Structure formats: C-alpha cells, structure tokens
Amino acid sequence: PDASGGSLRSAVEAMTAAVAHRGPDDEGLWVDEEG
C-alpha cells in the first residue's frame, strides 16, 4: 500500500522476468497503483 509511482509495475515486471522460464508462451501484468 505504500508503493509510489511506477514502482509496483517495475517490480512486478522484474519478478515476471525472473520466472520467464516457467512460461515462455505468454505474459501479462495487472497493476492497481492506488490499491
């Protein structure tokens, strides 16, 4: 809840990239900065 700016998006992008080997066929993100 204390995240600011685009920090949530960049963090979840990095996490998703770290598990790319688990799913090479597609990727998706959903971010609610307010929440």
All heavy atoms as atom14 arrays in JSON, in Angstrom:
{
  "sequence": "PDASGGSLRSAVEAMTAAVAHRGPDDEGLWVDEEG",
  "atom14_mask": [
    [1, 1, 1, 1, 1, 1, 1, 0, 0, 0, 0, 0, 0, 0],
    [1, 1, 1, 1, 1, 1, 1, 1, 0, 0, 0, 0, 0, 0],
    [1, 1, 1, 1, 1, 0, 0, 0, 0, 0, 0, 0, 0, 0],
    [1, 1, 1, 1, 1, 1, 0, 0, 0, 0, 0, 0, 0, 0],
    [1, 1, 1, 1, 0, 0, 0, 0, 0, 0, 0, 0, 0, 0],
    [1, 1, 1, 1, 0, 0, 0, 0, 0, 0, 0, 0, 0, 0],
    [1, 1, 1, 1, 1, 1, 0, 0, 0, 0, 0, 0, 0, 0],
    [1, 1, 1, 1, 1, 1, 1, 1, 0, 0, 0, 0, 0, 0],
    [1, 1, 1, 1, 1, 1, 1, 1, 1, 1, 1, 0, 0, 0],
    [1, 1, 1, 1, 1, 1, 0, 0, 0, 0, 0, 0, 0, 0],
    [1, 1, 1, 1, 1, 0, 0, 0, 0, 0, 0, 0, 0, 0],
    [1, 1, 1, 1, 1, 1, 1, 0, 0, 0, 0, 0, 0, 0],
    [1, 1, 1, 1, 1, 1, 1, 1, 1, 0, 0, 0, 0, 0],
    [1, 1, 1, 1, 1, 0, 0, 0, 0, 0, 0, 0, 0, 0],
    [1, 1, 1, 1, 1, 1, 1, 1, 0, 0, 0, 0, 0, 0],
    [1, 1, 1, 1, 1, 1, 1, 0, 0, 0, 0, 0, 0, 0],
    [1, 1, 1, 1, 1, 0, 0, 0, 0, 0, 0, 0, 0, 0],
    [1, 1, 1, 1, 1, 0, 0, 0, 0, 0, 0, 0, 0, 0],
    [1, 1, 1, 1, 1, 1, 1, 0, 0, 0, 0, 0, 0, 0],
    [1, 1, 1, 1, 1, 0, 0, 0, 0, 0, 0, 0, 0, 0],
    [1, 1, 1, 1, 1, 1, 1, 1, 1, 1, 0, 0, 0, 0],
    [1, 1, 1, 1, 1, 1, 1, 1, 1, 1, 1, 0, 0, 0],
    [1, 1, 1, 1, 0, 0, 0, 0, 0, 0, 0, 0, 0, 0],
    [1, 1, 1, 1, 1, 1, 1, 0, 0, 0, 0, 0, 0, 0],
    [1, 1, 1, 1, 1, 1, 1, 1, 0, 0, 0, 0, 0, 0],
    [1, 1, 1, 1, 1, 1, 1, 1, 0, 0, 0, 0, 0, 0],
    [1, 1, 1, 1, 1, 1, 1, 1, 1, 0, 0, 0, 0, 0],
    [1, 1, 1, 1, 0, 0, 0, 0, 0, 0, 0, 0, 0, 0],
    [1, 1, 1, 1, 1, 1, 1, 1, 0, 0, 0, 0, 0, 0],
    [1, 1, 1, 1, 1, 1, 1, 1, 1, 1, 1, 1, 1, 1],
    [1, 1, 1, 1, 1, 1, 1, 0, 0, 0, 0, 0, 0, 0],
    [1, 1, 1, 1, 1, 1, 1, 1, 0, 0, 0, 0, 0, 0],
    [1, 1, 1, 1, 1, 1, 1, 1, 1, 0, 0, 0, 0, 0],
    [1, 1, 1, 1, 1, 1, 1, 1, 1, 0, 0, 0, 0, 0],
    [1, 1, 1, 1, 0, 0, 0, 0, 0, 0, 0, 0, 0, 0]
  ],
  "atom14_positions": [
    [[0.8, -1.22, 0.0], [0.0, 0.0, 0.0], [0.84, 1.28, 0.0], [0.35, 2.34, -0.35], [-0.82, -0.09, 1.29], [-0.76, -1.51, 1.7], [0.51, -2.07, 1.15], [0.0, 0.0, 0.0], [0.0, 0.0, 0.0], [0.0, 0.0, 0.0], [0.0, 0.0, 0.0], [0.0, 0.0, 0.0], [0.0, 0.0, 0.0], [0.0, 0.0, 0.0]],
    [[2.12, 1.19, 0.37], [2.98, 2.37, 0.44], [3.76, 2.6, -0.85], [4.57, 3.53, -0.92], [3.95, 2.24, 1.61], [3.22, 2.15, 2.94], [2.18, 2.82, 3.09], [3.69, 1.41, 3.82], [0.0, 0.0, 0.0], [0.0, 0.0, 0.0], [0.0, 0.0, 0.0], [0.0, 0.0, 0.0], [0.0, 0.0, 0.0], [0.0, 0.0, 0.0]],
    [[3.57, 1.77, -1.86], [4.31, 1.91, -3.12], [3.93, 3.22, -3.8], [2.8, 3.69, -3.7], [4.02, 0.74, -4.04], [0.0, 0.0, 0.0], [0.0, 0.0, 0.0], [0.0, 0.0, 0.0], [0.0, 0.0, 0.0], [0.0, 0.0, 0.0], [0.0, 0.0, 0.0], [0.0, 0.0, 0.0], [0.0, 0.0, 0.0], [0.0, 0.0, 0.0]],
    [[4.89, 3.81, -4.48], [4.62, 5.08, -5.15], [5.03, 5.02, -6.61], [5.89, 4.23, -7.0], [5.39, 6.21, -4.46], [6.78, 5.95, -4.55], [0.0, 0.0, 0.0], [0.0, 0.0, 0.0], [0.0, 0.0, 0.0], [0.0, 0.0, 0.0], [0.0, 0.0, 0.0], [0.0, 0.0, 0.0], [0.0, 0.0, 0.0], [0.0, 0.0, 0.0]],
    [[4.41, 5.88, -7.41], [4.77, 5.99, -8.82], [4.66, 4.68, -9.55], [3.74, 3.92, -9.36], [0.0, 0.0, 0.0], [0.0, 0.0, 0.0], [0.0, 0.0, 0.0], [0.0, 0.0, 0.0], [0.0, 0.0, 0.0], [0.0, 0.0, 0.0], [0.0, 0.0, 0.0], [0.0, 0.0, 0.0], [0.0, 0.0, 0.0], [0.0, 0.0, 0.0]],
    [[5.64, 4.39, -10.39], [5.66, 3.17, -11.17], [6.43, 2.05, -10.51], [6.79, 1.08, -11.17], [0.0, 0.0, 0.0], [0.0, 0.0, 0.0], [0.0, 0.0, 0.0], [0.0, 0.0, 0.0], [0.0, 0.0, 0.0], [0.0, 0.0, 0.0], [0.0, 0.0, 0.0], [0.0, 0.0, 0.0], [0.0, 0.0, 0.0], [0.0, 0.0, 0.0]],
    [[6.67, 2.17, -9.21], [7.49, 1.15, -8.54], [6.83, -0.22, -8.54], [7.52, -1.24, -8.66], [7.82, 1.57, -7.11], [6.65, 1.69, -6.33], [0.0, 0.0, 0.0], [0.0, 0.0, 0.0], [0.0, 0.0, 0.0], [0.0, 0.0, 0.0], [0.0, 0.0, 0.0], [0.0, 0.0, 0.0], [0.0, 0.0, 0.0], [0.0, 0.0, 0.0]],
    [[5.51, -0.28, -8.41], [4.82, -1.58, -8.45], [4.98, -2.23, -9.81], [5.29, -3.41, -9.92], [3.33, -1.41, -8.15], [2.91, -1.38, -6.7], [1.41, -1.14, -6.6], [3.28, -2.65, -5.99], [0.0, 0.0, 0.0], [0.0, 0.0, 0.0], [0.0, 0.0, 0.0], [0.0, 0.0, 0.0], [0.0, 0.0, 0.0], [0.0, 0.0, 0.0]],
    [[4.77, -1.46, -10.86], [4.87, -2.01, -12.22], [6.29, -2.52, -12.48], [6.47, -3.62, -12.96], [4.49, -0.97, -13.27], [4.65, -1.51, -14.7], [3.99, -0.63, -15.73], [2.55, -0.6, -15.62], [1.74, -1.55, -16.08], [2.22, -2.6, -16.67], [0.44, -1.43, -15.94], [0.0, 0.0, 0.0], [0.0, 0.0, 0.0], [0.0, 0.0, 0.0]],
    [[7.29, -1.73, -12.17], [8.66, -2.18, -12.44], [9.03, -3.39, -11.59], [9.73, -4.29, -12.06], [9.65, -1.04, -12.24], [9.62, -0.56, -10.92], [0.0, 0.0, 0.0], [0.0, 0.0, 0.0], [0.0, 0.0, 0.0], [0.0, 0.0, 0.0], [0.0, 0.0, 0.0], [0.0, 0.0, 0.0], [0.0, 0.0, 0.0], [0.0, 0.0, 0.0]],
    [[8.54, -3.45, -10.37], [8.84, -4.59, -9.5], [8.19, -5.86, -10.02], [8.82, -6.93, -10.08], [8.4, -4.31, -8.07], [0.0, 0.0, 0.0], [0.0, 0.0, 0.0], [0.0, 0.0, 0.0], [0.0, 0.0, 0.0], [0.0, 0.0, 0.0], [0.0, 0.0, 0.0], [0.0, 0.0, 0.0], [0.0, 0.0, 0.0], [0.0, 0.0, 0.0]],
    [[6.92, -5.79, -10.42], [6.24, -6.99, -10.9], [6.78, -7.4, -12.28], [6.84, -8.58, -12.59], [4.71, -6.84, -10.87], [4.19, -6.08, -12.07], [4.04, -8.2, -10.79], [0.0, 0.0, 0.0], [0.0, 0.0, 0.0], [0.0, 0.0, 0.0], [0.0, 0.0, 0.0], [0.0, 0.0, 0.0], [0.0, 0.0, 0.0], [0.0, 0.0, 0.0]],
    [[7.22, -6.45, -13.09], [7.87, -6.79, -14.36], [9.16, -7.57, -14.11], [9.43, -8.56, -14.8], [8.17, -5.53, -15.17], [6.96, -4.94, -15.84], [7.23, -3.6, -16.51], [8.31, -2.99, -16.29], [6.35, -3.15, -17.27], [0.0, 0.0, 0.0], [0.0, 0.0, 0.0], [0.0, 0.0, 0.0], [0.0, 0.0, 0.0], [0.0, 0.0, 0.0]],
    [[9.94, -7.14, -13.13], [11.19, -7.85, -12.8], [10.89, -9.25, -12.26], [11.59, -10.22, -12.6], [11.99, -7.05, -11.77], [0.0, 0.0, 0.0], [0.0, 0.0, 0.0], [0.0, 0.0, 0.0], [0.0, 0.0, 0.0], [0.0, 0.0, 0.0], [0.0, 0.0, 0.0], [0.0, 0.0, 0.0], [0.0, 0.0, 0.0], [0.0, 0.0, 0.0]],
    [[9.86, -9.37, -11.44], [9.5, -10.68, -10.9], [9.04, -11.62, -12.01], [9.4, -12.8, -12.03], [8.39, -10.51, -9.84], [8.84, -9.79, -8.6], [7.45, -9.3, -7.54], [6.85, -10.88, -7.0], [0.0, 0.0, 0.0], [0.0, 0.0, 0.0], [0.0, 0.0, 0.0], [0.0, 0.0, 0.0], [0.0, 0.0, 0.0], [0.0, 0.0, 0.0]],
    [[8.23, -11.08, -12.93], [7.74, -11.89, -14.04], [8.89, -12.33, -14.94], [8.93, -13.46, -15.4], [6.68, -11.11, -14.84], [5.65, -10.69, -13.94], [6.05, -11.94, -15.92], [0.0, 0.0, 0.0], [0.0, 0.0, 0.0], [0.0, 0.0, 0.0], [0.0, 0.0, 0.0], [0.0, 0.0, 0.0], [0.0, 0.0, 0.0], [0.0, 0.0, 0.0]],
    [[9.85, -11.44, -15.17], [11.02, -11.79, -15.97], [11.84, -12.89, -15.31], [12.39, -13.76, -15.98], [11.89, -10.55, -16.2], [0.0, 0.0, 0.0], [0.0, 0.0, 0.0], [0.0, 0.0, 0.0], [0.0, 0.0, 0.0], [0.0, 0.0, 0.0], [0.0, 0.0, 0.0], [0.0, 0.0, 0.0], [0.0, 0.0, 0.0], [0.0, 0.0, 0.0]],
    [[11.89, -12.88, -13.98], [12.66, -13.9, -13.25], [12.06, -15.3, -13.38], [12.78, -16.29, -13.22], [12.76, -13.52, -11.77], [0.0, 0.0, 0.0], [0.0, 0.0, 0.0], [0.0, 0.0, 0.0], [0.0, 0.0, 0.0], [0.0, 0.0, 0.0], [0.0, 0.0, 0.0], [0.0, 0.0, 0.0], [0.0, 0.0, 0.0], [0.0, 0.0, 0.0]],
    [[10.77, -15.39, -13.67], [10.14, -16.71, -13.84], [9.77, -16.98, -15.3], [8.92, -17.82, -15.58], [8.9, -16.89, -12.91], [9.31, -16.85, -11.46], [7.82, -15.86, -13.2], [0.0, 0.0, 0.0], [0.0, 0.0, 0.0], [0.0, 0.0, 0.0], [0.0, 0.0, 0.0], [0.0, 0.0, 0.0], [0.0, 0.0, 0.0], [0.0, 0.0, 0.0]],
    [[10.42, -16.28, -16.22], [10.12, -16.43, -17.64], [10.3, -17.87, -18.11], [9.57, -18.32, -19.0], [10.99, -15.49, -18.47], [0.0, 0.0, 0.0], [0.0, 0.0, 0.0], [0.0, 0.0, 0.0], [0.0, 0.0, 0.0], [0.0, 0.0, 0.0], [0.0, 0.0, 0.0], [0.0, 0.0, 0.0], [0.0, 0.0, 0.0], [0.0, 0.0, 0.0]],
    [[11.22, -18.58, -17.51], [11.45, -19.99, -17.89], [10.26, -20.88, -17.57], [10.11, -21.95, -18.13], [12.7, -20.52, -17.19], [12.59, -20.53, -15.7], [12.73, -19.37, -14.94], [12.32, -21.52, -14.84], [12.56, -19.68, -13.66], [12.31, -20.97, -13.57], [0.0, 0.0, 0.0], [0.0, 0.0, 0.0], [0.0, 0.0, 0.0], [0.0, 0.0, 0.0]],
    [[9.38, -20.43, -16.69], [8.2, -21.21, -16.32], [7.06, -21.07, -17.32], [6.13, -21.86, -17.31], [7.69, -20.77, -14.94], [8.74, -20.75, -13.89], [8.67, -21.72, -12.81], [7.53, -22.53, -12.64], [7.02, -22.82, -11.45], [7.52, -22.29, -10.38], [6.02, -23.65, -11.37], [0.0, 0.0, 0.0], [0.0, 0.0, 0.0], [0.0, 0.0, 0.0]],
    [[7.12, -20.05, -18.15], [6.06, -19.83, -19.11], [6.51, -18.98, -20.27], [6.35, -17.76, -20.25], [0.0, 0.0, 0.0], [0.0, 0.0, 0.0], [0.0, 0.0, 0.0], [0.0, 0.0, 0.0], [0.0, 0.0, 0.0], [0.0, 0.0, 0.0], [0.0, 0.0, 0.0], [0.0, 0.0, 0.0], [0.0, 0.0, 0.0], [0.0, 0.0, 0.0]],
    [[7.11, -19.59, -21.29], [7.63, -18.81, -22.41], [6.59, -18.4, -23.44], [6.91, -17.65, -24.36], [8.63, -19.78, -23.03], [8.08, -21.13, -22.73], [7.44, -21.01, -21.38], [0.0, 0.0, 0.0], [0.0, 0.0, 0.0], [0.0, 0.0, 0.0], [0.0, 0.0, 0.0], [0.0, 0.0, 0.0], [0.0, 0.0, 0.0], [0.0, 0.0, 0.0]],
    [[5.34, -18.85, -23.31], [4.35, -18.63, -24.37], [3.57, -17.32, -24.26], [3.02, -16.85, -25.26], [3.35, -19.8, -24.4], [4.05, -21.11, -24.71], [4.98, -21.11, -25.54], [3.68, -22.14, -24.11], [0.0, 0.0, 0.0], [0.0, 0.0, 0.0], [0.0, 0.0, 0.0], [0.0, 0.0, 0.0], [0.0, 0.0, 0.0], [0.0, 0.0, 0.0]],
    [[3.48, -16.75, -23.09], [2.7, -15.51, -22.92], [3.03, -14.91, -21.57], [3.52, -15.6, -20.67], [1.19, -15.84, -22.98], [0.3, -14.6, -23.09], [0.82, -13.52, -23.44], [-0.91, -14.72, -22.84], [0.0, 0.0, 0.0], [0.0, 0.0, 0.0], [0.0, 0.0, 0.0], [0.0, 0.0, 0.0], [0.0, 0.0, 0.0], [0.0, 0.0, 0.0]],
    [[2.8, -13.61, -21.45], [2.95, -12.95, -20.16], [1.92, -11.85, -20.04], [1.44, -11.33, -21.04], [4.35, -12.4, -19.95], [4.67, -11.16, -20.74], [6.02, -10.59, -20.38], [6.26, -10.3, -19.21], [6.84, -10.45, -21.31], [0.0, 0.0, 0.0], [0.0, 0.0, 0.0], [0.0, 0.0, 0.0], [0.0, 0.0, 0.0], [0.0, 0.0, 0.0]],
    [[1.58, -11.54, -18.81], [0.61, -10.47, -18.58], [0.83, -9.83, -17.22], [1.37, -10.46, -16.31], [0.0, 0.0, 0.0], [0.0, 0.0, 0.0], [0.0, 0.0, 0.0], [0.0, 0.0, 0.0], [0.0, 0.0, 0.0], [0.0, 0.0, 0.0], [0.0, 0.0, 0.0], [0.0, 0.0, 0.0], [0.0, 0.0, 0.0], [0.0, 0.0, 0.0]],
    [[0.43, -8.57, -17.12], [0.54, -7.8, -15.88], [-0.77, -7.08, -15.61], [-1.48, -6.69, -16.54], [1.64, -6.74, -15.99], [3.05, -7.18, -16.31], [3.91, -5.96, -16.57], [3.62, -8.01, -15.2], [0.0, 0.0, 0.0], [0.0, 0.0, 0.0], [0.0, 0.0, 0.0], [0.0, 0.0, 0.0], [0.0, 0.0, 0.0], [0.0, 0.0, 0.0]],
    [[-1.04, -6.89, -14.34], [-2.16, -6.06, -13.92], [-1.68, -5.29, -12.7], [-1.14, -5.88, -11.76], [-3.38, -6.91, -13.56], [-4.52, -6.1, -13.05], [-5.45, -5.42, -13.78], [-4.85, -5.87, -11.69], [-6.34, -4.79, -12.94], [-5.98, -5.06, -11.64], [-4.28, -6.28, -10.48], [-6.57, -4.64, -10.45], [-4.87, -5.86, -9.3], [-6.0, -5.05, -9.3]],
    [[-1.83, -3.98, -12.72], [-1.33, -3.14, -11.63], [-2.4, -2.17, -11.19], [-3.04, -1.51, -12.01], [-0.07, -2.35, -12.07], [0.46, -1.49, -10.94], [1.02, -3.3, -12.57], [0.0, 0.0, 0.0], [0.0, 0.0, 0.0], [0.0, 0.0, 0.0], [0.0, 0.0, 0.0], [0.0, 0.0, 0.0], [0.0, 0.0, 0.0], [0.0, 0.0, 0.0]],
    [[-2.62, -2.1, -9.88], [-3.51, -1.1, -9.28], [-2.65, -0.25, -8.35], [-2.41, -0.62, -7.19], [-4.62, -1.79, -8.5], [-5.56, -0.82, -7.81], [-5.34, 0.4, -7.88], [-6.52, -1.29, -7.17], [0.0, 0.0, 0.0], [0.0, 0.0, 0.0], [0.0, 0.0, 0.0], [0.0, 0.0, 0.0], [0.0, 0.0, 0.0], [0.0, 0.0, 0.0]],
    [[-2.11, 0.84, -8.88], [-1.22, 1.71, -8.1], [-1.93, 2.27, -6.87], [-1.34, 2.36, -5.8], [-0.69, 2.85, -8.96], [0.21, 2.42, -10.08], [1.63, 2.09, -9.64], [2.0, 2.37, -8.49], [2.37, 1.53, -10.47], [0.0, 0.0, 0.0], [0.0, 0.0, 0.0], [0.0, 0.0, 0.0], [0.0, 0.0, 0.0], [0.0, 0.0, 0.0]],
    [[-3.21, 2.65, -7.04], [-3.97, 3.21, -5.91], [-4.11, 2.23, -4.77], [-4.0, 2.58, -3.61], [-5.36, 3.62, -6.39], [-5.6, 5.1, -6.42], [-7.03, 5.4, -6.84], [-7.97, 5.0, -6.13], [-7.17, 6.04, -7.89], [0.0, 0.0, 0.0], [0.0, 0.0, 0.0], [0.0, 0.0, 0.0], [0.0, 0.0, 0.0], [0.0, 0.0, 0.0]],
    [[-4.39, 0.97, -5.11], [-4.59, -0.06, -4.1], [-3.31, -0.72, -3.62], [-3.32, -1.48, -2.66], [0.0, 0.0, 0.0], [0.0, 0.0, 0.0], [0.0, 0.0, 0.0], [0.0, 0.0, 0.0], [0.0, 0.0, 0.0], [0.0, 0.0, 0.0], [0.0, 0.0, 0.0], [0.0, 0.0, 0.0], [0.0, 0.0, 0.0], [0.0, 0.0, 0.0]]
  ]
}
